[in-house]
Amino acid sequence: MTAHPLFDIGGRTALVTGSSRGIGLALARGLAEAGCTVVLNGRDGEALAKAAAGLPGDRVHTAAFDVTDGASVAAGIADVEERVGPLDILVNNAGMQLRAPLLEFTDTDWHRILDTNLTSAFLVGREAARRMTERGHGKIINICSLQSEVVRPGIAPYAATKGALKMLTKGMCADWGPYGVQVNGLGPGYIETELTRPLVEDEEFSAWVRRRTPAGRWGRTEDLVGGVLFLASPAADFVSGQVLYVDGGMTSVL
């Protein structure tokens, strides 16, 4: 049995930002396994090379550039398109979390989390879309969050960036949809990664996550792959401006 052609993304070229580890690396792996040429991005060239060596196939590339700097992004996207080929798929995954009571959150940390979680998606999305709109097709997937909709104490700035990313996704859809580019978001719930390991190991917090999630468990990075493959495929050609929440049902219950 073969997969339905609507879900076939073999031969397409995808760039995943922030993909040397964690969610980004898992999404890059899923795209590579689906037959895409994949470009890993981050700031650390050695970490990217190590991550690329662990992915299947011989069509995995790396591109080390700073997604929060406009000039770096412009040069990086131009280099990727020249060296690897035209981008069909962009996954804006670069992100960070800084936890602190809002009254104690510093100006420096505010701008840092804003640049990493929101400005990066604008900069990389804009440069990719310059080319996608000229070609008349493209898929952009912004990695939003459960916190694009809800928030808990101590992460207000993070939630602000992810809520704004949801609206940026809709704005990109409005501006670039007429040129054949679909822009959607993927909203992970509580996902177990090396960065969330301290929360997973906090039994009180982990028990709260399991109680609040109808699926009764933390998510795994591989739980997110199917959503990205769908949004990157022809099956989603009439889907744009949406956020697909992969959260075990958490956003649907009180």
Protein backbone atom coordinates (compact mmCIF):
# COMPACT_ATOMS: atom_id res chain seq x y z
CA MET A 1 0.00 0.00 0.00
CA THR A 2 1.29 3.46 -0.90
CA ALA A 3 0.53 6.77 0.77
CA HIS A 4 -2.11 9.01 -0.75
CA PRO A 5 -0.44 11.47 -3.17
CA LEU A 6 -2.00 14.39 -1.28
CA PHE A 7 0.48 13.68 1.51
CA ASP A 8 3.53 13.20 -0.72
CA ILE A 9 6.25 15.78 -0.06
CA GLY A 10 9.13 13.76 -1.47
CA GLY A 11 11.70 15.84 -3.34
CA ARG A 12 10.81 19.12 -1.64
CA THR A 13 13.32 21.29 0.16
CA ALA A 14 12.68 22.31 3.77
CA LEU A 15 14.49 24.65 6.15
CA VAL A 16 13.92 24.14 9.88
CA THR A 17 15.25 26.86 12.18
CA GLY A 18 16.53 25.98 15.62
CA SER A 19 16.99 22.36 14.61
CA SER A 20 20.20 21.15 16.24
CA ARG A 21 18.19 19.42 18.98
CA GLY A 22 14.77 18.93 20.56
CA ILE A 23 11.58 19.67 18.68
CA GLY A 24 13.36 21.22 15.70
CA LEU A 25 15.56 18.18 15.17
CA ALA A 26 12.58 15.83 15.48
CA LEU A 27 10.67 17.81 12.85
CA ALA A 28 13.69 17.84 10.56
CA ARG A 29 14.01 14.08 10.96
CA GLY A 30 10.35 13.61 10.06
CA LEU A 31 10.70 15.74 6.94
CA ALA A 32 13.84 13.84 5.90
CA GLU A 33 12.08 10.50 6.41
CA ALA A 34 9.24 11.81 4.22
CA GLY A 35 11.70 12.34 1.38
CA CYS A 36 12.55 16.02 1.74
CA THR A 37 15.92 17.62 1.33
CA VAL A 38 16.37 19.19 4.77
CA VAL A 39 18.43 22.16 5.90
CA LEU A 40 19.21 22.37 9.61
CA ASN A 41 19.72 25.83 11.11
CA GLY A 42 21.24 27.16 14.29
CA ARG A 43 24.17 29.30 15.43
CA ASP A 44 26.58 26.48 16.33
CA GLY A 45 28.02 24.90 13.19
CA GLU A 46 29.53 21.96 15.07
CA ALA A 47 26.24 21.12 16.78
CA LEU A 48 24.46 21.29 13.43
CA ALA A 49 26.99 18.98 11.79
CA LYS A 50 26.58 16.46 14.61
CA ALA A 51 22.79 16.61 14.33
CA ALA A 52 22.90 16.25 10.54
CA ALA A 53 25.08 13.15 10.82
CA GLY A 54 22.30 11.44 12.76
CA LEU A 55 19.57 12.04 10.19
CA PRO A 56 18.67 9.54 7.47
CA GLY A 57 19.56 9.90 3.82
CA ASP A 58 22.15 11.94 1.99
CA ARG A 59 20.12 15.10 1.46
CA VAL A 60 20.69 16.81 4.79
CA HIS A 61 22.45 20.18 4.83
CA THR A 62 23.30 22.76 7.47
CA ALA A 63 23.13 26.56 7.50
CA ALA A 64 24.54 28.38 10.51
CA PHE A 65 23.15 31.90 10.79
CA ASP A 66 21.54 34.12 13.43
CA VAL A 67 17.77 34.15 12.91
CA THR A 68 17.40 37.29 15.06
CA ASP A 69 19.61 39.45 12.82
CA GLY A 70 18.13 40.76 9.58
CA ALA A 71 21.38 40.92 7.60
CA SER A 72 22.39 37.43 8.75
CA VAL A 73 18.98 36.05 7.76
CA ALA A 74 19.07 37.67 4.32
CA ALA A 75 22.52 36.26 3.62
CA GLY A 76 21.61 32.87 5.09
CA ILE A 77 18.47 32.38 3.01
CA ALA A 78 20.27 33.52 -0.15
CA ASP A 79 23.06 31.02 0.57
CA VAL A 80 20.63 28.15 1.19
CA GLU A 81 18.76 28.78 -2.05
CA GLU A 82 22.00 29.01 -4.04
CA ARG A 83 23.70 26.03 -2.40
CA VAL A 84 20.77 23.65 -1.81
CA GLY A 85 17.92 24.87 -4.01
CA PRO A 86 14.63 26.78 -3.84
CA LEU A 87 12.83 26.44 -0.52
CA ASP A 88 9.43 24.79 -0.65
CA ILE A 89 8.90 24.52 3.10
CA LEU A 90 9.98 26.72 6.01
CA VAL A 91 9.50 25.66 9.62
CA ASN A 92 10.07 28.59 11.99
CA ASN A 93 10.96 26.64 15.10
CA ALA A 94 13.65 28.75 16.78
CA GLY A 95 12.52 29.64 20.27
CA MET A 96 13.42 29.91 23.93
CA GLN A 97 11.82 30.03 27.36
CA LEU A 98 12.73 32.33 30.26
CA ARG A 99 10.80 31.78 33.48
CA ALA A 100 10.49 34.57 36.07
CA PRO A 101 7.76 36.51 37.87
CA LEU A 102 6.69 39.35 35.60
CA LEU A 103 7.71 42.05 38.10
CA GLU A 104 11.24 40.62 38.10
CA PHE A 105 11.57 40.17 34.33
CA THR A 106 14.40 42.36 33.01
CA ASP A 107 14.35 44.58 29.94
CA THR A 108 17.23 42.57 28.50
CA ASP A 109 15.41 39.27 28.87
CA TRP A 110 12.22 40.78 27.42
CA HIS A 111 13.98 41.81 24.23
CA ARG A 112 15.90 38.54 24.08
CA ILE A 113 12.79 36.35 24.21
CA LEU A 114 10.92 38.66 21.84
CA ASP A 115 13.73 38.54 19.28
CA THR A 116 14.14 34.78 19.50
CA ASN A 117 10.49 33.72 19.51
CA LEU A 118 8.84 36.38 17.33
CA THR A 119 11.26 38.59 15.42
CA SER A 120 13.07 35.53 14.06
CA ALA A 121 9.87 34.21 12.49
CA PHE A 122 9.23 37.59 10.88
CA LEU A 123 12.77 37.89 9.52
CA VAL A 124 13.14 34.35 8.19
CA GLY A 125 9.53 34.20 7.02
CA ARG A 126 9.91 37.46 5.12
CA GLU A 127 13.09 36.37 3.34
CA ALA A 128 11.68 32.97 2.42
CA ALA A 129 8.40 34.50 1.28
CA ARG A 130 10.16 36.98 -1.02
CA ARG A 131 11.15 33.96 -3.09
CA MET A 132 8.11 31.76 -2.52
CA THR A 133 5.70 34.48 -3.65
CA GLU A 134 7.69 35.00 -6.85
CA ARG A 135 7.50 31.25 -7.57
CA GLY A 136 3.80 31.08 -6.71
CA HIS A 137 3.96 28.38 -4.05
CA GLY A 138 5.35 27.61 -0.61
CA LYS A 139 4.55 26.38 2.89
CA ILE A 140 5.49 28.24 6.06
CA ILE A 141 4.84 26.61 9.43
CA ASN A 142 5.37 28.68 12.56
CA ILE A 143 5.86 26.72 15.77
CA CYS A 144 3.47 28.40 18.18
CA SER A 145 2.48 26.92 21.53
CA LEU A 146 -0.28 25.93 23.87
CA GLN A 147 0.62 29.30 25.43
CA SER A 148 -0.57 31.04 22.27
CA GLU A 149 -4.00 30.56 23.90
CA VAL A 150 -3.52 30.13 27.65
CA VAL A 151 -0.94 31.10 30.25
CA ARG A 152 0.21 30.22 33.74
CA PRO A 153 2.20 32.29 36.26
CA GLY A 154 5.86 32.94 35.54
CA ILE A 155 5.81 32.75 31.74
CA ALA A 156 3.90 35.88 30.68
CA PRO A 157 6.60 37.14 28.26
CA TYR A 158 6.84 33.72 26.61
CA ALA A 159 3.06 33.58 26.23
CA ALA A 160 3.08 37.10 24.80
CA THR A 161 5.57 36.09 22.10
CA LYS A 162 3.63 32.96 21.22
CA GLY A 163 0.30 34.77 21.14
CA ALA A 164 1.86 37.35 18.83
CA LEU A 165 3.29 34.57 16.66
CA LYS A 166 -0.22 33.19 16.23
CA MET A 167 -1.38 36.56 14.93
CA LEU A 168 1.73 36.97 12.76
CA THR A 169 0.81 33.62 11.22
CA LYS A 170 -2.62 34.95 10.33
CA GLY A 171 -1.12 38.17 8.98
CA MET A 172 1.34 36.27 6.81
CA CYS A 173 -1.59 34.23 5.51
CA ALA A 174 -3.47 37.40 4.60
CA ASP A 175 -0.51 38.99 2.82
CA TRP A 176 1.03 35.99 1.07
CA GLY A 177 -1.97 33.73 0.46
CA PRO A 178 -2.86 35.49 -2.81
CA TYR A 179 0.59 34.48 -4.11
CA GLY A 180 0.15 30.76 -3.44
CA VAL A 181 1.87 30.57 -0.06
CA GLN A 182 0.09 28.84 2.82
CA VAL A 183 1.10 29.89 6.34
CA ASN A 184 -0.02 27.94 9.39
CA GLY A 185 1.04 27.34 12.96
CA LEU A 186 1.65 24.22 14.99
CA GLY A 187 0.92 24.58 18.71
CA PRO A 188 2.70 22.00 20.87
CA GLY A 189 1.42 21.26 24.33
CA TYR A 190 3.71 20.06 27.09
CA ILE A 191 6.41 18.13 25.23
CA GLU A 192 9.20 16.16 26.88
CA THR A 193 12.60 17.36 25.63
CA GLU A 194 16.01 17.87 27.16
CA LEU A 195 15.00 21.47 27.88
CA THR A 196 11.82 20.47 29.72
CA ARG A 197 13.48 17.59 31.57
CA PRO A 198 13.54 19.50 34.91
CA LEU A 199 9.76 20.03 34.65
CA VAL A 200 9.17 16.40 33.73
CA GLU A 201 11.19 15.33 36.77
CA ASP A 202 9.27 17.71 39.05
CA GLU A 203 6.65 15.23 40.23
CA GLU A 204 4.15 17.85 41.39
CA PHE A 205 4.29 19.74 38.09
CA SER A 206 4.37 16.57 36.02
CA ALA A 207 1.32 15.22 37.83
CA TRP A 208 -0.48 18.50 37.08
CA VAL A 209 0.34 18.15 33.37
CA ARG A 210 -1.00 14.60 33.30
CA ARG A 211 -4.20 15.62 35.12
CA ARG A 212 -4.81 18.60 32.81
CA THR A 213 -4.15 16.66 29.61
CA PRO A 214 -6.98 14.36 28.45
CA ALA A 215 -4.36 12.08 26.89
CA GLY A 216 -2.93 11.66 30.40
CA ARG A 217 0.73 12.09 29.51
CA TRP A 218 3.44 14.44 28.35
CA GLY A 219 3.80 14.77 24.61
CA ARG A 220 6.79 13.37 22.75
CA THR A 221 8.63 15.19 19.98
CA GLU A 222 7.51 12.57 17.48
CA ASP A 223 3.89 13.45 18.29
CA LEU A 224 4.45 16.74 16.45
CA VAL A 225 5.78 15.28 13.21
CA GLY A 226 2.44 14.28 11.69
CA GLY A 227 1.04 17.79 12.03
CA VAL A 228 4.02 19.33 10.27
CA LEU A 229 3.94 16.74 7.48
CA PHE A 230 0.25 17.51 6.92
CA LEU A 231 0.71 21.28 6.89
CA ALA A 232 3.67 20.93 4.51
CA SER A 233 1.78 18.71 2.08
CA PRO A 234 -0.64 19.29 -0.82
CA ALA A 235 -3.37 18.04 1.53
CA ALA A 236 -3.17 21.46 3.22
CA ASP A 237 -3.25 23.58 0.06
CA PHE A 238 -6.57 25.13 1.17
CA VAL A 239 -5.56 25.39 4.83
CA SER A 240 -4.00 28.70 5.84
CA GLY A 241 -3.93 31.04 8.81
CA GLN A 242 -4.69 28.21 11.23
CA VAL A 243 -2.93 26.90 14.32
CA LEU A 244 -3.06 23.13 14.78
CA TYR A 245 -2.74 22.34 18.48
CA VAL A 246 -0.97 19.09 19.26
CA ASP A 247 -1.47 19.12 23.00
CA GLY A 248 -3.25 15.92 23.98
CA GLY A 249 -6.47 17.92 24.30
CA MET A 250 -5.31 20.39 26.96
CA THR A 251 -6.65 23.53 25.27
CA SER A 252 -10.11 21.97 25.01
CA VAL A 253 -10.79 21.32 28.69
CA LEU A 254 -11.14 23.35 31.89
